PDB file of N, CA and C in Angstrom:
ATOM      1  N   ARG A   1      97.944  81.061 101.912  1.00  0.00           N
ATOM      2  CA  ARG A   1      98.418  80.063 102.734  1.00  0.00           C
ATOM      3  C   ARG A   1      99.328  78.936 101.574  1.00  0.00           C
ATOM      4  N   SER A   2      98.943  78.979 100.262  1.00  0.00           N
ATOM      5  CA  SER A   2      99.639  78.009  99.780  1.00  0.00           C
ATOM      6  C   SER A   2     100.807  78.890  98.594  1.00  0.00           C
ATOM      7  N   ALA A   3     100.079  80.190  99.064  1.00  0.00           N
ATOM      8  CA  ALA A   3     101.810  81.203  98.724  1.00  0.00           C
ATOM      9  C   ALA A   3     102.973  81.295  99.596  1.00  0.00           C
ATOM     10  N   LEU A   4     102.206  81.455 100.654  1.00  0.00           N
ATOM     11  CA  LEU A   4     103.762  81.510 101.813  1.00  0.00           C
ATOM     12  C   LEU A   4     104.005  79.979 101.997  1.00  0.00           C
ATOM     13  N   VAL A   5     103.499  78.573 101.796  1.00  0.00           N
ATOM     14  CA  VAL A   5     104.538  77.801 101.612  1.00  0.00           C
ATOM     15  C   VAL A   5     105.081  77.563 100.299  1.00  0.00           C
ATOM     16  N   ALA A   6     105.163  77.822  99.479  1.00  0.00           N
ATOM     17  CA  ALA A   6     106.131  78.087  98.532  1.00  0.00           C
ATOM     18  C   ALA A   6     107.002  79.290  98.499  1.00  0.00           C
ATOM     19  N   SER A   7     106.952  80.422  98.862  1.00  0.00           N
ATOM     20  CA  SER A   7     107.907  81.169  99.280  1.00  0.00           C
ATOM     21  C   SER A   7     108.539  80.748 100.371  1.00  0.00           C
ATOM     22  N   THR A   8     108.323  79.805 101.750  1.00  0.00           N
ATOM     23  CA  THR A   8     109.473  78.989 102.905  1.00  0.00           C
ATOM     24  C   THR A   8     109.817  78.223 101.658  1.00  0.00           C
ATOM     25  N   SER A   9     109.192  77.060 101.127  1.00  0.00           N
ATOM     26  CA  SER A   9     110.058  76.102 100.437  1.00  0.00           C
ATOM     27  C   SER A   9     111.109  76.458  99.042  1.00  0.00           C
ATOM     28  N   ARG A  10     110.943  78.068  98.934  1.00  0.00           N
ATOM     29  CA  ARG A  10     111.757  78.297  98.281  1.00  0.00           C
ATOM     30  C   ARG A  10     113.069  79.465  98.760  1.00  0.00           C
ATOM     31  N   ALA A  11     112.709  80.043 100.125  1.00  0.00           N
ATOM     32  CA  ALA A  11     113.767  80.547 100.732  1.00  0.00           C
ATOM     33  C   ALA A  11     114.878  79.507 101.860  1.00  0.00           C
ATOM     34  N   LEU A  12     114.212  77.940 101.592  1.00  0.00           N
ATOM     35  CA  LEU A  12     114.971  77.293 101.985  1.00  0.00           C
ATOM     36  C   LEU A  12     115.946  76.649 101.527  1.00  0.00           C
ATOM     37  N   GLU A  13     115.946  76.173 100.079  1.00  0.00           N
ATOM     38  CA  GLU A  13     116.025  75.973  98.811  1.00  0.00           C
ATOM     39  C   GLU A  13     117.013  77.103  98.730  1.00  0.00           C
ATOM     40  N   ASP A  14     117.113  78.710  98.313  1.00  0.00           N
ATOM     41  CA  ASP A  14     118.270  79.333  98.608  1.00  0.00           C
ATOM     42  C   ASP A  14     119.424  79.413  99.874  1.00  0.00           C
ATOM     43  N   ARG A  15     118.922  79.088 100.720  1.00  0.00           N
ATOM     44  CA  ARG A  15     119.571  78.715 102.195  1.00  0.00           C
ATOM     45  C   ARG A  15     120.761  77.625 101.764  1.00  0.00           C
ATOM     46  N   ALA A  16     119.776  76.444 101.423  1.00  0.00           N
ATOM     47  CA  ALA A  16     120.420  75.347 100.855  1.00  0.00           C
ATOM     48  C   ALA A  16     121.661  75.804  99.717  1.00  0.00           C
ATOM     49  N   ALA A  17     121.120  76.135  98.716  1.00  0.00           N
ATOM     50  CA  ALA A  17     122.324  76.561  98.034  1.00  0.00           C
ATOM     51  C   ALA A  17     123.565  77.645  98.024  1.00  0.00           C
ATOM     52  N   ALA A  18     123.411  78.521  99.060  1.00  0.00           N
ATOM     53  CA  ALA A  18     124.593  79.702  99.380  1.00  0.00           C
ATOM     54  C   ALA A  18     125.687  78.750  99.706  1.00  0.00           C
ATOM     55  N   ASP A  19     126.723  79.735  99.213  1.00  0.00           N
ATOM     56  CA  ASP A  19     128.511  79.441 100.255  1.00  0.00           C
ATOM     57  C   ASP A  19     128.801  79.878 101.178  1.00  0.00           C
ATOM     58  N   LEU A  20     127.890  81.215 101.636  1.00  0.00           N
ATOM     59  CA  LEU A  20     127.502  81.535 102.529  1.00  0.00           C
ATOM     60  C   LEU A  20     127.172  81.908 103.395  1.00  0.00           C
ATOM     61  N   LEU A  21     126.393  81.949 104.221  1.00  0.00           N
ATOM     62  CA  LEU A  21     125.126  82.508 104.672  1.00  0.00           C
ATOM     63  C   LEU A  21     125.622  83.034 106.431  1.00  0.00           C
ATOM     64  N   ILE A  22     124.854  84.662 106.263  1.00  0.00           N
ATOM     65  CA  ILE A  22     124.930  85.426 107.419  1.00  0.00           C
ATOM     66  C   ILE A  22     123.412  85.589 107.810  1.00  0.00           C
ATOM     67  N   THR A  23     123.402  85.382 108.939  1.00  0.00           N
ATOM     68  CA  THR A  23     121.756  85.300 109.558  1.00  0.00           C
ATOM     69  C   THR A  23     122.058  86.293 111.018  1.00  0.00           C
ATOM     70  N   PRO A  24     122.255  87.531 110.791  1.00  0.00           N
ATOM     71  CA  PRO A  24     122.527  88.619 111.955  1.00  0.00           C
ATOM     72  C   PRO A  24     121.290  88.072 112.895  1.00  0.00           C
ATOM     73  N   PRO A  25     121.417  88.448 114.602  1.00  0.00           N
ATOM     74  CA  PRO A  25     120.576  88.186 115.297  1.00  0.00           C
ATOM     75  C   PRO A  25     119.892  89.428 115.281  1.00  0.00           C
ATOM     76  N   MET A  26     118.970  89.468 114.595  1.00  0.00           N
ATOM     77  CA  MET A  26     117.812  90.331 114.475  1.00  0.00           C
ATOM     78  C   MET A  26     116.380  90.611 115.763  1.00  0.00           C
ATOM     79  N   ASN A  27     116.845  89.522 116.034  1.00  0.00           N
ATOM     80  CA  ASN A  27     115.441  89.547 117.773  1.00  0.00           C
ATOM     81  C   ASN A  27     114.586  90.653 117.946  1.00  0.00           C
ATOM     82  N   HIS A  28     116.218  91.977 118.242  1.00  0.00           N
ATOM     83  CA  HIS A  28     116.033  92.703 119.060  1.00  0.00           C
ATOM     84  C   HIS A  28     115.432  94.251 118.521  1.00  0.00           C
ATOM     85  N   VAL A  29     115.353  93.984 116.908  1.00  0.00           N
ATOM     86  CA  VAL A  29     115.035  95.095 115.918  1.00  0.00           C
ATOM     87  C   VAL A  29     113.564  94.955 115.777  1.00  0.00           C
ATOM     88  N   ASP A  30     112.625  95.712 116.068  1.00  0.00           N
ATOM     89  CA  ASP A  30     110.902  95.034 115.347  1.00  0.00           C
ATOM     90  C   ASP A  30     111.104  96.149 114.201  1.00  0.00           C
ATOM     91  N   LEU A  31     110.151  95.228 112.727  1.00  0.00           N
ATOM     92  CA  LEU A  31     110.513  95.185 111.877  1.00  0.00           C
ATOM     93  C   LEU A  31     109.226  96.489 111.657  1.00  0.00           C
ATOM     94  N   LEU A  32     108.285  96.994 112.751  1.00  0.00           N
ATOM     95  CA  LEU A  32     107.462  98.173 112.374  1.00  0.00           C
ATOM     96  C   LEU A  32     107.945  99.787 113.352  1.00  0.00           C
ATOM     97  N   ASP A  33     109.237  99.244 114.329  1.00  0.00           N
ATOM     98  CA  ASP A  33     109.650 100.060 114.877  1.00  0.00           C
ATOM     99  C   ASP A  33     110.619 101.445 113.987  1.00  0.00           C
ATOM    100  N   TRP A  34     110.587 101.981 113.215  1.00  0.00           N
ATOM    101  CA  TRP A  34     111.954 102.987 112.386  1.00  0.00           C
ATOM    102  C   TRP A  34     112.318 103.154 113.405  1.00  0.00           C
ATOM    103  N   THR A  35     112.024 103.966 114.357  1.00  0.00           N
ATOM    104  CA  THR A  35     114.002 104.113 115.461  1.00  0.00           C
ATOM    105  C   THR A  35     114.502 103.108 115.374  1.00  0.00           C
ATOM    106  N   SER A  36     114.387 101.375 115.566  1.00  0.00           N
ATOM    107  CA  SER A  36     115.899 100.998 115.210  1.00  0.00           C
ATOM    108  C   SER A  36     115.968 100.364 113.955  1.00  0.00           C
ATOM    109  N   PHE A  37     115.727 101.293 112.874  1.00  0.00           N
ATOM    110  CA  PHE A  37     116.158 101.237 111.576  1.00  0.00           C
ATOM    111  C   PHE A  37     117.634 101.082 111.871  1.00  0.00           C
ATOM    112  N   ASP A  38     118.478 102.178 112.116  1.00  0.00           N
ATOM    113  CA  ASP A  38     119.665 102.566 112.266  1.00  0.00           C
ATOM    114  C   ASP A  38     120.438 100.927 113.284  1.00  0.00           C
ATOM    115  N   ALA A  39     119.959 100.445 114.264  1.00  0.00           N
ATOM    116  CA  ALA A  39     120.126 100.171 115.258  1.00  0.00           C
ATOM    117  C   ALA A  39     120.222  98.429 114.336  1.00  0.00           C
ATOM    118  N   GLY A  40     119.765  98.033 113.615  1.00  0.00           N
ATOM    119  CA  GLY A  40     119.336  97.193 112.725  1.00  0.00           C
ATOM    120  C   GLY A  40     120.889  97.352 111.660  1.00  0.00           C
ATOM    121  N   ILE A  41     120.403  98.110 111.079  1.00  0.00           N
ATOM    122  CA  ILE A  41     121.971  98.174 110.350  1.00  0.00           C
ATOM    123  C   ILE A  41     123.275  98.047 110.652  1.00  0.00           C
ATOM    124  N   GLU A  42     123.099  98.398 112.111  1.00  0.00           N
ATOM    125  CA  GLU A  42     124.454  97.738 112.547  1.00  0.00           C
ATOM    126  C   GLU A  42     124.798  96.846 113.069  1.00  0.00           C
ATOM    127  N   VAL A  43     123.648  96.280 113.003  1.00  0.00           N
ATOM    128  CA  VAL A  43     124.250  95.063 114.106  1.00  0.00           C
ATOM    129  C   VAL A  43     124.530  94.062 112.870  1.00  0.00           C
ATOM    130  N   GLY A  44     123.477  94.454 111.512  1.00  0.00           N
ATOM    131  CA  GLY A  44     123.695  93.569 109.682  1.00  0.00           C
ATOM    132  C   GLY A  44     125.313  93.637 109.400  1.00  0.00           C
ATOM    133  N   TYR A  45     125.637  94.892 109.755  1.00  0.00           N
ATOM    134  CA  TYR A  45     126.834  95.795 109.378  1.00  0.00           C
ATOM    135  C   TYR A  45     128.054  95.081 109.884  1.00  0.00           C
ATOM    136  N   ARG A  46     128.011  94.630 111.404  1.00  0.00           N
ATOM    137  CA  ARG A  46     128.532  94.050 112.021  1.00  0.00           C
ATOM    138  C   ARG A  46     128.988  92.671 112.371  1.00  0.00           C
ATOM    139  N   THR A  47     127.450  91.690 111.078  1.00  0.00           N
ATOM    140  CA  THR A  47     128.026  90.976 111.974  1.00  0.00           C
ATOM    141  C   THR A  47     128.355  90.116 109.667  1.00  0.00           C
ATOM    142  N   THR A  48     128.387  90.843 109.571  1.00  0.00           N
ATOM    143  CA  THR A  48     128.274  90.527 108.101  1.00  0.00           C
ATOM    144  C   THR A  48     130.334  90.666 107.795  1.00  0.00           C
ATOM    145  N   MET A  49     130.694  91.874 108.540  1.00  0.00           N
ATOM    146  CA  MET A  49     132.627  91.810 108.961  1.00  0.00           C
ATOM    147  C   MET A  49     132.592  90.385 109.683  1.00  0.00           C
ATOM    148  N   GLU A  50     132.210  90.577 110.163  1.00  0.00           N
ATOM    149  CA  GLU A  50     132.732  89.541 111.577  1.00  0.00           C
ATOM    150  C   GLU A  50     132.832  88.155 110.996  1.00  0.00           C
ATOM    151  N   ALA A  51     131.654  88.320 109.718  1.00  0.00           N
ATOM    152  CA  ALA A  51     131.618  86.579 108.700  1.00  0.00           C
ATOM    153  C   ALA A  51     132.607  86.753 107.894  1.00  0.00           C
ATOM    154  N   LEU A  52     132.714  87.907 107.408  1.00  0.00           N
ATOM    155  CA  LEU A  52     133.848  87.982 106.382  1.00  0.00           C
ATOM    156  C   LEU A  52     135.307  87.603 106.464  1.00  0.00           C
ATOM    157  N   GLU A  53     135.528  88.456 107.742  1.00  0.00           N
ATOM    158  CA  GLU A  53     136.578  88.132 108.480  1.00  0.00           C
ATOM    159  C   GLU A  53     136.742  86.602 108.718  1.00  0.00           C
ATOM    160  N   LYS A  54     135.939  85.450 109.400  1.00  0.00           N
ATOM    161  CA  LYS A  54     135.991  84.161 109.479  1.00  0.00           C
ATOM    162  C   LYS A  54     135.890  83.725 108.423  1.00  0.00           C
ATOM    163  N   ALA A  55     135.610  84.068 106.665  1.00  0.00           N
ATOM    164  CA  ALA A  55     135.122  82.825 105.953  1.00  0.00           C
ATOM    165  C   ALA A  55     137.103  83.183 105.091  1.00  0.00           C
ATOM    166  N   ARG A  56     137.789  84.155 105.406  1.00  0.00           N
ATOM    167  CA  ARG A  56     138.953  84.528 104.923  1.00  0.00           C
ATOM    168  C   ARG A  56     139.666  83.487 105.207  1.00  0.00           C
ATOM    169  N   ALA A  57     139.628  82.944 107.011  1.00  0.00           N
ATOM    170  CA  ALA A  57     140.213  81.812 106.854  1.00  0.00           C
ATOM    171  C   ALA A  57     139.836  80.187 106.561  1.00  0.00           C
ATOM    172  N   VAL A  58     138.976  80.059 105.794  1.00  0.00           N
ATOM    173  CA  VAL A  58     138.172  78.829 105.090  1.00  0.00           C
ATOM    174  C   VAL A  58     139.118  78.452 103.823  1.00  0.00           C
ATOM    175  N   PRO A  59     139.162  77.301 103.404  1.00  0.00           N
ATOM    176  CA  PRO A  59     139.988  76.922 102.540  1.00  0.00           C
ATOM    177  C   PRO A  59     139.047  77.317 101.025  1.00  0.00           C
ATOM    178  N   THR A  60     139.907  77.477 100.287  1.00  0.00           N
ATOM    179  CA  THR A  60     139.039  77.705  98.871  1.00  0.00           C
ATOM    180  C   THR A  60     137.991  76.751  98.471  1.00  0.00           C
ATOM    181  N   GLY A  61     136.407  77.006  97.865  1.00  0.00           N
ATOM    182  CA  GLY A  61     136.223  75.906  98.058  1.00  0.00           C
ATOM    183  C   GLY A  61     135.016  75.497  98.978  1.00  0.00           C
ATOM    184  N   ALA A  62     135.245  75.933 100.106  1.00  0.00           N
ATOM    185  CA  ALA A  62     134.806  75.120 100.831  1.00  0.00           C
ATOM    186  C   ALA A  62     133.681  76.252 101.608  1.00  0.00           C
ATOM    187  N   ARG A  63     132.246  75.254 101.620  1.00  0.00           N
ATOM    188  CA  ARG A  63     130.786  76.205 101.572  1.00  0.00           C
ATOM    189  C   ARG A  63     130.706  76.627 103.655  1.00  0.00           C
ATOM    190  N   LEU A  64     130.657  77.664 104.047  1.00  0.00           N
ATOM    191  CA  LEU A  64     130.363  77.987 104.977  1.00  0.00           C
ATOM    192  C   LEU A  64     128.880  78.332 105.443  1.00  0.00           C
ATOM    193  N   PHE A  65     128.668  78.395 106.743  1.00  0.00           N
ATOM    194  CA  PHE A  65     127.575  78.685 107.535  1.00  0.00           C
ATOM    195  C   PHE A  65     127.439  79.423 108.976  1.00  0.00           C
ATOM    196  N   LEU A  66     127.156  80.454 108.253  1.00  0.00           N
ATOM    197  CA  LEU A  66     127.218  80.904 109.809  1.00  0.00           C
ATOM    198  C   LEU A  66     126.201  81.459 110.180  1.00  0.00           C
ATOM    199  N   ALA A  67     125.576  81.876 111.382  1.00  0.00           N
ATOM    200  CA  ALA A  67     124.511  81.685 112.193  1.00  0.00           C
ATOM    201  C   ALA A  67     124.464  83.085 112.986  1.00  0.00           C
TER     202      ALA A  67
END
């Protein structure tokens, strides 16, 4: 349990320190279903490309959070 708490705490710190945070909508991808592997990659790629396009319009030095 303490390892989970430490891991969660570290993940929250890392998220807060990020200049650009991209969180693809992966709720439809079952981590144990290897047949959805390609679909997960596609969603991640598409979400990242959209986020980078939006980030180009943000002034330099600004922090950007995309969910």
